[in-house]
Amino acid sequence: MYRTKNDIEDKYISEYHYIAFAPVWGAKEIIKNGATNRDFGGFVEQGSLLLSKYEILEHYNQFYHLEYKEAGFDATYFKKDDHARSIQNAILDINDKKVQIINIHGIWNEGKLGDDRTLNQCQFIIDRALENDYPTIIVGDLNLLPNSKSIELMNKHFRNLIIENNIKSTRPTFDDGLDKGNIVCDYIFVNDKVKINDFKVLDNDISDHLPLVIDFEI
């Protein structure tokens, strides 16, 4: 029903000593059209999780769409309104150098071509990223196709490794009634302070998104 961050921490804590969690909503159940659509059997939070071998010097959960709520998650109008969204922004100490990691799970939008909300989302990411003059890696599911205006906005400021490497899909083939797979909607962007040695998308059924992996230097 719900894979907890405790399960992940227990498995990887011996290698990844530094952990930060950025929740976007909390609920005991998901409600749809006035009825319980999904009962978690207790209170849970959903958000972004960062595991690092390197010390996390600073960590921010920066909201740009709606606000965090513990009162519950009403998904009746999800396709129109979505739920709260934030970026997980962390500064790591990697070999005595500060590196900025921005982790994002972007606004859901039907068709993945974006709208005014996703343009505002990407401008928010750009503004936060440019506040620090550090090597910067932006990674996550932006829920946007490569030819969307929102991704084109990101491309003006950062290297888009998906486009540079001509990646055709970051999701396995599926159709769950909400989304269809075999498309690109996951990205890694970097600034010019990050040297990329290798980039690949793994063919792996770990989830409904394929893992993105980079080997880099700063």
C-alpha atoms as a PDB file:
ATOM      1  CA  MET A   1       0.000   0.000   0.000  1.00  0.00           C
ATOM      2  CA  TYR A   2       2.755   2.432   0.918  1.00  0.00           C
ATOM      3  CA  ARG A   3       6.541   1.976   0.984  1.00  0.00           C
ATOM      4  CA  THR A   4       7.831   3.985   3.935  1.00  0.00           C
ATOM      5  CA  LYS A   5      11.074   5.914   4.089  1.00  0.00           C
ATOM      6  CA  ASN A   6      11.960   3.798   7.129  1.00  0.00           C
ATOM      7  CA  ASP A   7      12.167   0.735   4.874  1.00  0.00           C
ATOM      8  CA  ILE A   8      14.530   2.574   2.547  1.00  0.00           C
ATOM      9  CA  GLU A   9      16.618   3.989   5.405  1.00  0.00           C
ATOM     10  CA  ASP A  10      16.969   0.576   7.056  1.00  0.00           C
ATOM     11  CA  LYS A  11      18.267  -0.924   3.815  1.00  0.00           C
ATOM     12  CA  TYR A  12      20.720   1.822   2.866  1.00  0.00           C
ATOM     13  CA  ILE A  13      21.731   3.629   6.087  1.00  0.00           C
ATOM     14  CA  SER A  14      25.052   1.755   6.270  1.00  0.00           C
ATOM     15  CA  GLU A  15      26.125   3.367   2.976  1.00  0.00           C
ATOM     16  CA  TYR A  16      24.120   6.596   2.888  1.00  0.00           C
ATOM     17  CA  HIS A  17      24.583   8.185   6.297  1.00  0.00           C
ATOM     18  CA  TYR A  18      22.812  11.482   5.605  1.00  0.00           C
ATOM     19  CA  ILE A  19      19.060  11.555   5.002  1.00  0.00           C
ATOM     20  CA  ALA A  20      16.593  14.392   4.421  1.00  0.00           C
ATOM     21  CA  PHE A  21      12.837  14.210   3.815  1.00  0.00           C
ATOM     22  CA  ALA A  22      10.649  16.947   2.308  1.00  0.00           C
ATOM     23  CA  PRO A  23       6.917  16.130   2.711  1.00  0.00           C
ATOM     24  CA  VAL A  24       4.285  17.726   0.469  1.00  0.00           C
ATOM     25  CA  TRP A  25       1.117  16.338   2.053  1.00  0.00           C
ATOM     26  CA  GLY A  26      -0.033  14.222   4.975  1.00  0.00           C
ATOM     27  CA  ALA A  27      -3.188  12.138   5.374  1.00  0.00           C
ATOM     28  CA  LYS A  28      -4.751   9.033   6.871  1.00  0.00           C
ATOM     29  CA  GLU A  29      -6.729   8.426   3.693  1.00  0.00           C
ATOM     30  CA  ILE A  30      -7.338   9.665   0.177  1.00  0.00           C
ATOM     31  CA  ILE A  31     -10.890  10.865  -0.407  1.00  0.00           C
ATOM     32  CA  LYS A  32     -12.608  11.014  -3.779  1.00  0.00           C
ATOM     33  CA  ASN A  33     -16.185  12.186  -4.380  1.00  0.00           C
ATOM     34  CA  GLY A  34     -16.831  12.131  -0.637  1.00  0.00           C
ATOM     35  CA  ALA A  35     -15.783   8.504  -0.116  1.00  0.00           C
ATOM     36  CA  THR A  36     -12.538   6.898   1.037  1.00  0.00           C
ATOM     37  CA  ASN A  37     -10.579   5.924  -2.048  1.00  0.00           C
ATOM     38  CA  ARG A  38      -7.485   4.697  -0.212  1.00  0.00           C
ATOM     39  CA  ASP A  39      -7.106   4.000   3.520  1.00  0.00           C
ATOM     40  CA  PHE A  40      -3.496   4.004   4.745  1.00  0.00           C
ATOM     41  CA  GLY A  41      -4.346   2.514   8.131  1.00  0.00           C
ATOM     42  CA  GLY A  42      -2.690   5.463   9.869  1.00  0.00           C
ATOM     43  CA  PHE A  43      -1.161   8.845   9.165  1.00  0.00           C
ATOM     44  CA  VAL A  44       1.386   9.006   6.307  1.00  0.00           C
ATOM     45  CA  GLU A  45       3.297  11.748   4.537  1.00  0.00           C
ATOM     46  CA  GLN A  46       4.283  11.804   0.885  1.00  0.00           C
ATOM     47  CA  GLY A  47       7.268  13.742  -0.376  1.00  0.00           C
ATOM     48  CA  SER A  48      10.846  13.654  -1.628  1.00  0.00           C
ATOM     49  CA  LEU A  49      13.625  11.692   0.043  1.00  0.00           C
ATOM     50  CA  LEU A  50      17.347  12.375  -0.314  1.00  0.00           C
ATOM     51  CA  LEU A  51      19.978   9.849   0.751  1.00  0.00           C
ATOM     52  CA  SER A  52      23.600  10.942   0.608  1.00  0.00           C
ATOM     53  CA  LYS A  53      27.059   9.611   1.352  1.00  0.00           C
ATOM     54  CA  TYR A  54      28.074  13.214   1.886  1.00  0.00           C
ATOM     55  CA  GLU A  55      27.092  15.600   4.676  1.00  0.00           C
ATOM     56  CA  ILE A  56      23.941  17.645   4.070  1.00  0.00           C
ATOM     57  CA  LEU A  57      24.911  21.144   5.194  1.00  0.00           C
ATOM     58  CA  GLU A  58      21.564  22.821   4.464  1.00  0.00           C
ATOM     59  CA  HIS A  59      18.127  21.498   3.578  1.00  0.00           C
ATOM     60  CA  TYR A  60      14.976  23.342   2.485  1.00  0.00           C
ATOM     61  CA  ASN A  61      11.460  22.275   1.539  1.00  0.00           C
ATOM     62  CA  GLN A  62      10.333  25.168  -0.683  1.00  0.00           C
ATOM     63  CA  PHE A  63       6.660  25.240  -1.732  1.00  0.00           C
ATOM     64  CA  TYR A  64       5.542  26.851  -4.971  1.00  0.00           C
ATOM     65  CA  HIS A  65       2.055  25.323  -5.511  1.00  0.00           C
ATOM     66  CA  LEU A  66      -0.564  25.208  -2.720  1.00  0.00           C
ATOM     67  CA  GLU A  67       0.419  24.514   0.900  1.00  0.00           C
ATOM     68  CA  TYR A  68       1.242  21.473   2.994  1.00  0.00           C
ATOM     69  CA  LYS A  69      -1.850  20.056   4.754  1.00  0.00           C
ATOM     70  CA  GLU A  70      -2.249  17.389   7.420  1.00  0.00           C
ATOM     71  CA  ALA A  71      -6.043  17.504   7.230  1.00  0.00           C
ATOM     72  CA  GLY A  72      -6.255  14.908   4.489  1.00  0.00           C
ATOM     73  CA  PHE A  73      -5.966  14.513   0.764  1.00  0.00           C
ATOM     74  CA  ASP A  74      -9.118  15.073  -1.297  1.00  0.00           C
ATOM     75  CA  ALA A  75      -8.364  13.835  -4.809  1.00  0.00           C
ATOM     76  CA  THR A  76     -11.792  14.649  -6.253  1.00  0.00           C
ATOM     77  CA  TYR A  77     -10.398  17.486  -8.358  1.00  0.00           C
ATOM     78  CA  PHE A  78      -6.841  16.194  -8.660  1.00  0.00           C
ATOM     79  CA  LYS A  79      -6.685  16.565 -12.455  1.00  0.00           C
ATOM     80  CA  LYS A  80      -7.625  20.247 -12.153  1.00  0.00           C
ATOM     81  CA  ASP A  81      -5.945  21.337  -8.924  1.00  0.00           C
ATOM     82  CA  ASP A  82      -3.297  18.676  -8.142  1.00  0.00           C
ATOM     83  CA  HIS A  83      -1.926  18.697  -4.565  1.00  0.00           C
ATOM     84  CA  ALA A  84       0.781  20.793  -2.914  1.00  0.00           C
ATOM     85  CA  ARG A  85       4.157  20.739  -4.637  1.00  0.00           C
ATOM     86  CA  SER A  86       7.610  21.793  -3.472  1.00  0.00           C
ATOM     87  CA  ILE A  87      11.255  21.452  -4.359  1.00  0.00           C
ATOM     88  CA  GLN A  88      13.674  19.702  -2.033  1.00  0.00           C
ATOM     89  CA  ASN A  89      16.749  21.907  -2.040  1.00  0.00           C
ATOM     90  CA  ALA A  90      19.907  20.637  -0.334  1.00  0.00           C
ATOM     91  CA  ILE A  91      23.494  21.858  -0.087  1.00  0.00           C
ATOM     92  CA  LEU A  92      25.984  18.996   0.251  1.00  0.00           C
ATOM     93  CA  ASP A  93      29.641  18.999   1.237  1.00  0.00           C
ATOM     94  CA  ILE A  94      31.352  16.859  -1.404  1.00  0.00           C
ATOM     95  CA  ASN A  95      35.097  16.712  -0.850  1.00  0.00           C
ATOM     96  CA  ASP A  96      35.082  20.184   0.759  1.00  0.00           C
ATOM     97  CA  LYS A  97      33.041  21.689  -2.070  1.00  0.00           C
ATOM     98  CA  LYS A  98      29.441  22.837  -1.748  1.00  0.00           C
ATOM     99  CA  VAL A  99      27.088  21.225  -4.242  1.00  0.00           C
ATOM    100  CA  GLN A 100      23.414  22.107  -4.685  1.00  0.00           C
ATOM    101  CA  ILE A 101      20.954  19.255  -5.293  1.00  0.00           C
ATOM    102  CA  ILE A 102      17.374  20.157  -6.218  1.00  0.00           C
ATOM    103  CA  ASN A 103      14.908  17.274  -6.159  1.00  0.00           C
ATOM    104  CA  ILE A 104      11.479  17.785  -7.732  1.00  0.00           C
ATOM    105  CA  HIS A 105       8.226  15.943  -8.330  1.00  0.00           C
ATOM    106  CA  GLY A 106       6.408  18.384 -10.566  1.00  0.00           C
ATOM    107  CA  ILE A 107       2.786  19.385 -11.020  1.00  0.00           C
ATOM    108  CA  TRP A 108       0.670  16.735 -12.715  1.00  0.00           C
ATOM    109  CA  ASN A 109      -0.926  17.927 -15.945  1.00  0.00           C
ATOM    110  CA  GLU A 110      -2.880  15.957 -18.498  1.00  0.00           C
ATOM    111  CA  GLY A 111      -0.975  15.545 -21.749  1.00  0.00           C
ATOM    112  CA  LYS A 112       2.331  16.577 -20.108  1.00  0.00           C
ATOM    113  CA  LEU A 113       2.609  19.736 -22.229  1.00  0.00           C
ATOM    114  CA  GLY A 114       2.261  22.019 -19.241  1.00  0.00           C
ATOM    115  CA  ASP A 115       0.363  25.207 -18.489  1.00  0.00           C
ATOM    116  CA  ASP A 116       0.823  28.471 -16.587  1.00  0.00           C
ATOM    117  CA  ARG A 117       1.342  26.502 -13.365  1.00  0.00           C
ATOM    118  CA  THR A 118       4.227  24.495 -14.783  1.00  0.00           C
ATOM    119  CA  LEU A 119       5.814  27.623 -16.283  1.00  0.00           C
ATOM    120  CA  ASN A 120       5.673  29.188 -12.805  1.00  0.00           C
ATOM    121  CA  GLN A 121       7.076  25.947 -11.366  1.00  0.00           C
ATOM    122  CA  CYS A 122      10.088  25.949 -13.688  1.00  0.00           C
ATOM    123  CA  GLN A 123      10.738  29.651 -13.132  1.00  0.00           C
ATOM    124  CA  PHE A 124      10.655  28.960  -9.379  1.00  0.00           C
ATOM    125  CA  ILE A 125      13.240  26.187  -9.808  1.00  0.00           C
ATOM    126  CA  ILE A 126      15.459  28.462 -11.892  1.00  0.00           C
ATOM    127  CA  ASP A 127      15.229  31.325  -9.399  1.00  0.00           C
ATOM    128  CA  ARG A 128      16.051  29.111  -6.414  1.00  0.00           C
ATOM    129  CA  ALA A 129      18.904  27.379  -8.243  1.00  0.00           C
ATOM    130  CA  LEU A 130      20.518  30.656  -9.281  1.00  0.00           C
ATOM    131  CA  GLU A 131      20.489  32.009  -5.727  1.00  0.00           C
ATOM    132  CA  ASN A 132      23.657  29.963  -5.101  1.00  0.00           C
ATOM    133  CA  ASP A 133      26.791  29.969  -7.232  1.00  0.00           C
ATOM    134  CA  TYR A 134      27.496  26.272  -6.619  1.00  0.00           C
ATOM    135  CA  PRO A 135      27.723  23.237  -8.867  1.00  0.00           C
ATOM    136  CA  THR A 136      24.027  22.416  -9.276  1.00  0.00           C
ATOM    137  CA  ILE A 137      22.131  19.251 -10.177  1.00  0.00           C
ATOM    138  CA  ILE A 138      18.356  19.376 -10.690  1.00  0.00           C
ATOM    139  CA  VAL A 139      16.691  15.986 -10.850  1.00  0.00           C
ATOM    140  CA  GLY A 140      13.214  14.502 -10.807  1.00  0.00           C
ATOM    141  CA  ASP A 141       9.879  13.788 -12.441  1.00  0.00           C
ATOM    142  CA  LEU A 142       8.713  17.108 -13.861  1.00  0.00           C
ATOM    143  CA  ASN A 143       5.579  15.593 -15.446  1.00  0.00           C
ATOM    144  CA  LEU A 144       6.483  17.414 -18.681  1.00  0.00           C
ATOM    145  CA  LEU A 145       7.411  16.368 -22.204  1.00  0.00           C
ATOM    146  CA  PRO A 146      10.713  17.582 -23.703  1.00  0.00           C
ATOM    147  CA  ASN A 147       8.931  19.842 -26.228  1.00  0.00           C
ATOM    148  CA  SER A 148       6.866  21.647 -23.579  1.00  0.00           C
ATOM    149  CA  LYS A 149       7.404  25.384 -23.115  1.00  0.00           C
ATOM    150  CA  SER A 150       8.201  24.749 -19.452  1.00  0.00           C
ATOM    151  CA  ILE A 151      11.130  22.446 -20.273  1.00  0.00           C
ATOM    152  CA  GLU A 152      12.300  24.871 -22.966  1.00  0.00           C
ATOM    153  CA  LEU A 153      12.469  27.506 -20.212  1.00  0.00           C
ATOM    154  CA  MET A 154      14.709  25.219 -18.139  1.00  0.00           C
ATOM    155  CA  ASN A 155      16.920  24.596 -21.176  1.00  0.00           C
ATOM    156  CA  LYS A 156      17.796  28.293 -21.355  1.00  0.00           C
ATOM    157  CA  HIS A 157      19.614  28.090 -18.018  1.00  0.00           C
ATOM    158  CA  PHE A 158      20.855  24.488 -17.630  1.00  0.00           C
ATOM    159  CA  ARG A 159      22.163  21.552 -19.622  1.00  0.00           C
ATOM    160  CA  ASN A 160      19.371  19.066 -20.238  1.00  0.00           C
ATOM    161  CA  LEU A 161      21.013  15.628 -20.161  1.00  0.00           C
ATOM    162  CA  ILE A 162      17.890  13.905 -21.468  1.00  0.00           C
ATOM    163  CA  ILE A 163      17.923  15.940 -24.680  1.00  0.00           C
ATOM    164  CA  GLU A 164      21.727  15.867 -25.014  1.00  0.00           C
ATOM    165  CA  ASN A 165      21.662  12.065 -24.893  1.00  0.00           C
ATOM    166  CA  ASN A 166      18.611  11.696 -27.146  1.00  0.00           C
ATOM    167  CA  ILE A 167      16.670   9.700 -24.544  1.00  0.00           C
ATOM    168  CA  LYS A 168      13.317   8.477 -25.894  1.00  0.00           C
ATOM    169  CA  SER A 169      11.697   7.207 -22.689  1.00  0.00           C
ATOM    170  CA  THR A 170      12.137   7.434 -18.929  1.00  0.00           C
ATOM    171  CA  ARG A 171       9.123   5.266 -18.127  1.00  0.00           C
ATOM    172  CA  PRO A 172       8.351   1.616 -18.845  1.00  0.00           C
ATOM    173  CA  THR A 173       5.305   0.795 -20.948  1.00  0.00           C
ATOM    174  CA  PHE A 174       2.051   0.871 -18.926  1.00  0.00           C
ATOM    175  CA  ASP A 175      -1.387   2.460 -18.743  1.00  0.00           C
ATOM    176  CA  ASP A 176      -2.787   2.963 -15.251  1.00  0.00           C
ATOM    177  CA  GLY A 177      -5.771   5.082 -16.246  1.00  0.00           C
ATOM    178  CA  LEU A 178      -4.072   8.295 -15.147  1.00  0.00           C
ATOM    179  CA  ASP A 179      -0.796   8.127 -17.074  1.00  0.00           C
ATOM    180  CA  LYS A 180       0.685   6.135 -19.925  1.00  0.00           C
ATOM    181  CA  GLY A 181       4.292   4.975 -19.964  1.00  0.00           C
ATOM    182  CA  ASN A 182       6.987   4.888 -22.633  1.00  0.00           C
ATOM    183  CA  ILE A 183       7.425   8.680 -22.582  1.00  0.00           C
ATOM    184  CA  VAL A 184      10.005  11.143 -21.273  1.00  0.00           C
ATOM    185  CA  CYS A 185       8.985  13.091 -18.188  1.00  0.00           C
ATOM    186  CA  ASP A 186      12.038  12.645 -15.900  1.00  0.00           C
ATOM    187  CA  TYR A 187      15.104  14.856 -16.176  1.00  0.00           C
ATOM    188  CA  ILE A 188      18.539  15.727 -14.914  1.00  0.00           C
ATOM    189  CA  PHE A 189      19.711  19.301 -15.475  1.00  0.00           C
ATOM    190  CA  VAL A 190      23.153  20.598 -14.501  1.00  0.00           C
ATOM    191  CA  ASN A 191      24.950  23.933 -14.635  1.00  0.00           C
ATOM    192  CA  ASP A 192      28.378  24.549 -16.166  1.00  0.00           C
ATOM    193  CA  LYS A 193      30.146  23.826 -12.856  1.00  0.00           C
ATOM    194  CA  VAL A 194      29.311  20.107 -13.158  1.00  0.00           C
ATOM    195  CA  LYS A 195      31.354  17.887 -15.478  1.00  0.00           C
ATOM    196  CA  ILE A 196      29.402  14.847 -16.695  1.00  0.00           C
ATOM    197  CA  ASN A 197      31.471  11.716 -17.279  1.00  0.00           C
ATOM    198  CA  ASP A 198      28.550   9.406 -17.996  1.00  0.00           C
ATOM    199  CA  PHE A 199      24.751   9.484 -18.142  1.00  0.00           C
ATOM    200  CA  LYS A 200      22.375   6.570 -18.542  1.00  0.00           C
ATOM    201  CA  VAL A 201      18.764   5.508 -18.061  1.00  0.00           C
ATOM    202  CA  LEU A 202      18.538   2.026 -16.566  1.00  0.00           C
ATOM    203  CA  ASP A 203      16.072  -0.510 -17.954  1.00  0.00           C
ATOM    204  CA  ASN A 204      14.700  -1.485 -14.557  1.00  0.00           C
ATOM    205  CA  ASP A 205      11.218  -2.265 -13.204  1.00  0.00           C
ATOM    206  CA  ILE A 206      11.880  -0.750  -9.766  1.00  0.00           C
ATOM    207  CA  SER A 207       8.894   1.587 -10.294  1.00  0.00           C
ATOM    208  CA  ASP A 208       6.806   3.245 -12.999  1.00  0.00           C
ATOM    209  CA  HIS A 209       9.830   5.489 -13.663  1.00  0.00           C
ATOM    210  CA  LEU A 210      13.238   4.364 -14.892  1.00  0.00           C
ATOM    211  CA  PRO A 211      16.325   5.254 -12.803  1.00  0.00           C
ATOM    212  CA  LEU A 212      18.508   8.077 -14.131  1.00  0.00           C
ATOM    213  CA  VAL A 213      22.209   7.744 -13.269  1.00  0.00           C
ATOM    214  CA  ILE A 214      25.083  10.189 -13.714  1.00  0.00           C
ATOM    215  CA  ASP A 215      28.808   9.932 -13.062  1.00  0.00           C
ATOM    216  CA  PHE A 216      30.075  13.474 -12.513  1.00  0.00           C
ATOM    217  CA  GLU A 217      32.911  15.635 -11.216  1.00  0.00           C
ATOM    218  CA  ILE A 218      32.908  19.104  -9.687  1.00  0.00           C
END
